[in-house]
Structure formats: C-alpha cells, structure tokens
Amino acid sequence: MEIPEGEEARQYVSPQPLVYRWGGGDAPLPVRALRPRRSATPALPGLAAPPWQPTGELGQPFDFTGHMRRLGADIVRRCEELRHIDVSRLLFGVTQARNGRVFGLQARVTPLRFPRGHLTRQRRGVTYQVQRYFLGATEFLYLVTFCLPRFLDQEFDDKLVTLFHELYHINPAFDGDLRRHDGRYCVHSHSQRQYDQRMAFLAREYLASRPDPALHAFLRLNFSQLAQRHGSVTGIVVPRPKMIPVVLAAASRQK
C-alpha cells in the first residue's frame, strides 16, 4: 500500500513529522563540528598532515560531507556498476562516534523507501511510512552516514573501499531501496568475503582511471591531521530516518 500524494494525502496524520525540509536561508541543512576521540593525542613531530595533499584552504573548517559528495559523484561517473546512482539524491551525513575505539561502525547507507520503492508498508495491520527528506524541491532517496572520527582514522585503502561498499548497496533501480541478492544473505550476498573483495577491486579500478588526486587526497589524512590543518572538521548531521505509523484522520476523529 502506498499513500497517495495530493489532496488524499491530507487524510493521513502522524504524531511525528513525516517530512523534513531544508533549504534557503531559514532552514539550511544542519552542520556540526565533530569532536576528536577522547584518547586522541596531539600529533607527534613528523606526523602532521603532509603539505602536498590538497584539502582546501588552511585554517577554514573542513567540510567532510561536501568532500565526500564530490568524491562520490566522480566515482559514480567513472564506475560502470554505479552509473545508476544520482548523487544529487544522496544525502551525505556524519554521526559522532560514541567512543574512541578504532573498530566499530564506519559507515552505513539508509534507504528512504521500502522494498520495490514503496513509500509505505503494512506490519501487523499498521501502515508505516519512512520519513521523507527534502532539500528545496529535491527529495533524497538515501542517507549515507559516516561515523567520525572513526572512519577517518582508518587506512586510505579501507576508507575508499568503505565508500564503494556503501554506494554498491544502492539498488540498481535507484528507487530508494537497497540492492538485494538472492538467498538468505540478501544485502551482502552469500559471501561477505567475496563482497569485500569485489569492492576492493572496484576501488582499485577507480584509482587506475587516474581521477583528480585532489578529490580523494583528504582520505589520506586522519581526523587529527585534518582538524589540525583546518581548525575543525564539520559535517551535515540529520536525524536518522524512522518508520512512522500513519492513520486516517477521519478514523482518529471518531475515537
């Protein structure tokens, strides 16, 4: 079941917002400076950010999500298996790591539609809708979130492979749902190892195509190096989308 748009859509009410809208001077996308790990120590002599790696104007906050968006757009343009992705409808965001551990969540892609691109679905007789995210007139179909500082504190190859890993999860139909494989392990296929090897291969192919080094130079620095060079590392922070139960307004008034 999918809730119709237009006049009929007004019949539906929810205790939580079904739509988030940003854009314009009054409601820009929320940006936050990320904190370093609690265990982080000042960079030792010789471990400062290498000056030959371009990351933007020195002393100005480093826009992590802006850099990830530009890199993602170039990857999609060069990688045949990801050509179905419209980067303008991906919302790149960040989340603050809860602890200083190196291992744990690095990134995730959150679909903003149910299977086959449906806006709603029923569970146990209740209709749910995924919260919708808009920037102006553009509706996002996926939220791609990176956990900082943890993600930036990985090795360069691991960071690039992780980005491919998340982009590859996006359904070839680009309908807001995830790519689904046959069998029990529908998200990562039957073999996590083979999936990871495939992502590593795609990452190597991308680098072999000789992209502009300035697009991925920031991935060669860790969080502390970027923060030291730019003063702070910032990124877009939005609520994680929820499934919201929706009911007919008429039915609510009868109660």
Protein backbone atom coordinates (compact mmCIF):
# COMPACT_ATOMS: atom_id res chain seq x y z
CA MET A 1 0.00 0.00 0.00
CA GLU A 2 1.30 3.47 -0.86
CA ILE A 3 -0.22 6.66 0.45
CA PRO A 4 -1.32 8.85 -2.49
CA GLU A 5 0.05 12.34 -2.80
CA GLY A 6 -2.03 15.48 -3.21
CA GLU A 7 -5.44 16.04 -1.65
CA GLU A 8 -5.90 12.46 -0.44
CA ALA A 9 -2.56 12.55 1.35
CA ARG A 10 -4.00 15.14 3.73
CA GLN A 11 -6.19 12.48 5.26
CA TYR A 12 -3.17 10.98 6.96
CA VAL A 13 -1.85 12.21 10.28
CA SER A 14 1.09 11.17 12.44
CA PRO A 15 2.41 12.12 15.90
CA GLN A 16 5.88 12.58 14.34
CA PRO A 17 6.90 14.52 11.22
CA LEU A 18 6.51 12.56 8.01
CA VAL A 19 8.65 15.06 6.12
CA TYR A 20 11.82 17.02 6.90
CA ARG A 21 12.52 20.02 4.67
CA TRP A 22 15.68 22.07 4.41
CA GLY A 23 16.83 24.74 2.03
CA GLY A 24 17.03 28.50 1.83
CA GLY A 25 18.32 30.92 4.42
CA ASP A 26 15.78 30.00 7.08
CA ALA A 27 16.35 26.24 7.13
CA PRO A 28 19.78 25.19 5.87
CA LEU A 29 20.96 21.63 6.32
CA PRO A 30 22.31 21.38 9.90
CA VAL A 31 26.11 21.35 10.10
CA ARG A 32 28.10 20.41 13.19
CA ALA A 33 31.77 20.32 14.17
CA LEU A 34 32.83 16.80 15.17
CA ARG A 35 34.81 16.10 18.32
CA PRO A 36 38.12 14.21 18.30
CA ARG A 37 38.43 10.85 20.03
CA ARG A 38 38.87 11.10 23.79
CA SER A 39 42.10 9.16 23.56
CA ALA A 40 43.47 11.32 20.75
CA THR A 41 46.82 12.94 21.45
CA PRO A 42 48.47 15.87 19.67
CA ALA A 43 50.31 14.89 16.51
CA LEU A 44 53.95 13.99 17.08
CA PRO A 45 56.70 15.74 15.10
CA GLY A 46 56.75 14.29 11.60
CA LEU A 47 53.12 13.13 11.81
CA ALA A 48 51.50 16.40 10.82
CA ALA A 49 49.35 16.49 7.70
CA PRO A 50 51.60 16.19 4.62
CA PRO A 51 51.54 19.59 2.91
CA TRP A 52 51.44 18.08 -0.58
CA GLN A 53 47.98 16.61 0.00
CA PRO A 54 45.45 19.33 -1.00
CA THR A 55 42.42 19.53 1.29
CA GLY A 56 41.26 23.12 0.84
CA GLU A 57 42.01 26.48 2.39
CA LEU A 58 44.11 26.21 5.54
CA GLY A 59 42.52 27.43 8.75
CA GLN A 60 38.99 27.08 7.38
CA PRO A 61 36.66 24.32 8.70
CA PHE A 62 37.00 21.14 6.67
CA ASP A 63 33.67 20.28 5.05
CA PHE A 64 33.78 16.48 5.23
CA THR A 65 30.38 15.80 3.71
CA GLY A 66 30.99 18.23 0.86
CA HIS A 67 34.23 16.43 0.01
CA MET A 68 32.53 13.03 0.21
CA ARG A 69 29.77 14.22 -2.12
CA ARG A 70 32.28 15.41 -4.74
CA LEU A 71 34.27 12.19 -4.49
CA GLY A 72 31.09 10.10 -4.71
CA ALA A 73 29.98 11.97 -7.83
CA ASP A 74 33.31 11.25 -9.54
CA ILE A 75 33.19 7.56 -8.55
CA VAL A 76 29.67 7.19 -9.94
CA ARG A 77 30.74 8.84 -13.18
CA ARG A 78 33.73 6.51 -13.65
CA CYS A 79 32.38 3.21 -12.30
CA GLU A 80 30.03 1.40 -14.67
CA GLU A 81 28.43 -0.64 -11.88
CA LEU A 82 27.40 2.54 -10.05
CA ARG A 83 26.17 4.62 -13.00
CA HIS A 84 22.57 4.20 -11.86
CA ILE A 85 23.19 6.47 -8.86
CA ASP A 86 22.06 10.10 -8.95
CA VAL A 87 24.33 11.68 -6.34
CA SER A 88 22.07 14.74 -6.10
CA ARG A 89 19.54 12.48 -4.35
CA LEU A 90 22.01 11.11 -1.82
CA LEU A 91 22.23 12.95 1.50
CA PHE A 92 25.76 12.59 2.88
CA GLY A 93 25.90 12.96 6.64
CA VAL A 94 28.02 12.21 9.70
CA THR A 95 27.47 10.84 13.16
CA GLN A 96 29.70 11.27 16.19
CA ALA A 97 31.45 8.08 17.35
CA ARG A 98 30.33 7.20 20.86
CA ASN A 99 33.76 6.01 21.93
CA GLY A 100 37.39 6.13 20.88
CA ARG A 101 37.57 2.60 19.52
CA VAL A 102 39.08 2.20 16.08
CA PHE A 103 36.81 -0.75 15.29
CA GLY A 104 33.05 -0.50 15.02
CA LEU A 105 30.60 1.25 12.73
CA GLN A 106 32.43 3.04 9.90
CA ALA A 107 29.52 3.99 7.64
CA ARG A 108 26.02 2.99 6.65
CA VAL A 109 23.54 3.69 3.89
CA THR A 110 19.92 4.09 4.98
CA PRO A 111 17.22 3.61 2.33
CA LEU A 112 14.33 6.07 2.41
CA ARG A 113 11.88 3.70 0.75
CA PHE A 114 10.64 0.19 1.44
CA PRO A 115 11.26 -2.76 -0.92
CA ARG A 116 10.39 -2.04 -4.57
CA GLY A 117 10.47 1.67 -3.81
CA HIS A 118 7.21 1.80 -1.85
CA LEU A 119 6.72 4.78 0.43
CA THR A 120 4.67 2.80 2.93
CA ARG A 121 4.18 -0.77 4.08
CA GLN A 122 1.92 -2.60 6.49
CA ARG A 123 3.05 -4.56 9.53
CA ARG A 124 0.54 -6.30 11.77
CA GLY A 125 -2.26 -4.20 10.37
CA VAL A 126 -0.47 -0.87 10.87
CA THR A 127 0.65 1.26 7.93
CA TYR A 128 4.14 2.75 8.25
CA GLN A 129 5.85 5.42 6.20
CA VAL A 130 9.55 6.19 6.03
CA GLN A 131 10.26 9.82 6.89
CA ARG A 132 10.95 11.85 3.75
CA TYR A 133 13.90 14.26 3.44
CA PHE A 134 13.88 17.24 1.08
CA LEU A 135 16.39 19.93 0.21
CA GLY A 136 14.31 22.53 -1.57
CA ALA A 137 12.39 20.66 -4.27
CA THR A 138 14.83 17.71 -4.32
CA GLU A 139 13.80 14.61 -2.39
CA PHE A 140 16.59 12.40 -1.12
CA LEU A 141 16.29 8.65 -1.61
CA TYR A 142 19.24 7.55 0.53
CA LEU A 143 21.11 8.79 3.59
CA VAL A 144 24.82 7.88 3.54
CA THR A 145 26.31 8.37 7.00
CA PHE A 146 29.94 8.19 8.14
CA CYS A 147 30.99 7.71 11.74
CA LEU A 148 33.66 10.23 12.73
CA PRO A 149 36.38 10.34 13.83
CA ARG A 150 36.48 6.54 13.44
CA PHE A 151 36.07 6.43 9.67
CA LEU A 152 38.82 8.96 9.04
CA ASP A 153 41.23 7.11 11.32
CA GLN A 154 41.33 4.06 9.02
CA GLU A 155 43.91 3.43 6.31
CA PHE A 156 43.36 5.14 2.95
CA ASP A 157 42.51 1.91 1.11
CA ASP A 158 39.99 0.90 3.79
CA LYS A 159 38.26 4.29 3.62
CA LEU A 160 37.91 4.17 -0.16
CA VAL A 161 36.65 0.57 -0.11
CA THR A 162 34.10 1.51 2.57
CA LEU A 163 32.73 4.25 0.33
CA PHE A 164 32.36 1.77 -2.54
CA HIS A 165 30.78 -0.69 -0.13
CA GLU A 166 28.04 1.77 0.83
CA LEU A 167 27.39 3.01 -2.71
CA TYR A 168 27.11 -0.55 -4.00
CA HIS A 169 24.26 -1.21 -1.56
CA ILE A 170 22.09 1.22 -3.55
CA ASN A 171 19.52 -0.58 -5.67
CA PRO A 172 20.25 -0.60 -9.44
CA ALA A 173 16.66 0.61 -9.90
CA PHE A 174 17.58 3.65 -7.76
CA ASP A 175 14.15 3.55 -6.16
CA GLY A 176 15.11 4.28 -2.55
CA ASP A 177 15.53 0.60 -1.64
CA LEU A 178 18.72 -1.42 -1.18
CA ARG A 179 20.32 -3.76 -3.68
CA ARG A 180 19.05 -7.22 -2.80
CA HIS A 181 20.74 -10.52 -3.64
CA ASP A 182 19.16 -13.93 -3.89
CA GLY A 183 19.15 -16.19 -0.86
CA ARG A 184 19.28 -15.67 2.87
CA TYR A 185 22.03 -13.03 2.87
CA CYS A 186 20.22 -10.59 0.62
CA VAL A 187 22.28 -7.49 1.47
CA HIS A 188 25.88 -8.76 1.24
CA SER A 189 25.22 -11.84 -0.93
CA HIS A 190 26.11 -15.34 0.29
CA SER A 191 29.76 -14.42 0.91
CA GLN A 192 30.85 -11.34 2.86
CA ARG A 193 34.43 -12.09 1.84
CA GLN A 194 33.65 -12.13 -1.88
CA TYR A 195 31.58 -8.95 -1.50
CA ASP A 196 34.51 -7.19 0.17
CA GLN A 197 36.92 -8.44 -2.49
CA ARG A 198 34.64 -7.08 -5.19
CA MET A 199 34.53 -3.67 -3.53
CA ALA A 200 38.33 -3.63 -3.26
CA PHE A 201 38.57 -4.45 -6.97
CA LEU A 202 36.21 -1.60 -7.89
CA ALA A 203 38.24 0.80 -5.72
CA ARG A 204 41.48 -0.22 -7.45
CA GLU A 205 39.82 0.19 -10.85
CA TYR A 206 38.73 3.68 -9.89
CA LEU A 207 42.24 4.73 -8.87
CA ALA A 208 43.62 3.17 -12.06
CA SER A 209 41.36 5.50 -14.06
CA ARG A 210 43.51 8.39 -12.76
CA PRO A 211 40.93 10.62 -11.09
CA ASP A 212 41.96 14.07 -9.91
CA PRO A 213 44.07 13.38 -6.76
CA ALA A 214 42.53 16.45 -5.11
CA LEU A 215 39.20 14.59 -4.93
CA HIS A 216 40.49 11.87 -2.61
CA ALA A 217 43.56 13.49 -1.02
CA PHE A 218 41.63 14.14 2.22
CA LEU A 219 41.22 10.38 2.71
CA ARG A 220 44.99 10.13 3.06
CA LEU A 221 44.81 12.18 6.27
CA ASN A 222 43.32 11.12 9.57
CA PHE A 223 40.87 13.11 11.68
CA SER A 224 43.54 14.75 13.85
CA GLN A 225 45.56 15.84 10.83
CA LEU A 226 42.54 17.42 9.15
CA ALA A 227 41.47 19.12 12.39
CA GLN A 228 44.99 20.45 12.96
CA ARG A 229 45.21 21.80 9.41
CA HIS A 230 41.70 23.31 9.25
CA GLY A 231 40.83 24.04 12.86
CA SER A 232 37.77 21.75 12.80
CA VAL A 233 36.07 19.01 10.80
CA THR A 234 32.41 19.64 10.06
CA GLY A 235 29.61 17.63 8.51
CA ILE A 236 25.88 17.51 7.98
CA VAL A 237 24.03 15.94 10.92
CA VAL A 238 20.38 14.98 10.45
CA PRO A 239 18.08 12.69 12.44
CA ARG A 240 18.22 9.05 11.46
CA PRO A 241 15.01 8.36 9.50
CA LYS A 242 12.28 6.44 11.30
CA MET A 243 9.31 4.38 10.25
CA ILE A 244 6.26 6.39 11.31
CA PRO A 245 2.82 4.84 11.83
CA VAL A 246 0.19 6.73 9.86
CA VAL A 247 -3.59 6.61 10.37
CA LEU A 248 -6.59 8.17 8.68
CA ALA A 249 -7.51 11.48 10.22
CA ALA A 250 -11.19 10.59 9.91
CA ALA A 251 -10.63 7.41 11.92
CA SER A 252 -8.80 9.43 14.59
CA ARG A 253 -11.70 11.86 14.94
CA GLN A 254 -14.15 9.03 15.51
CA LYS A 255 -12.28 7.78 18.56
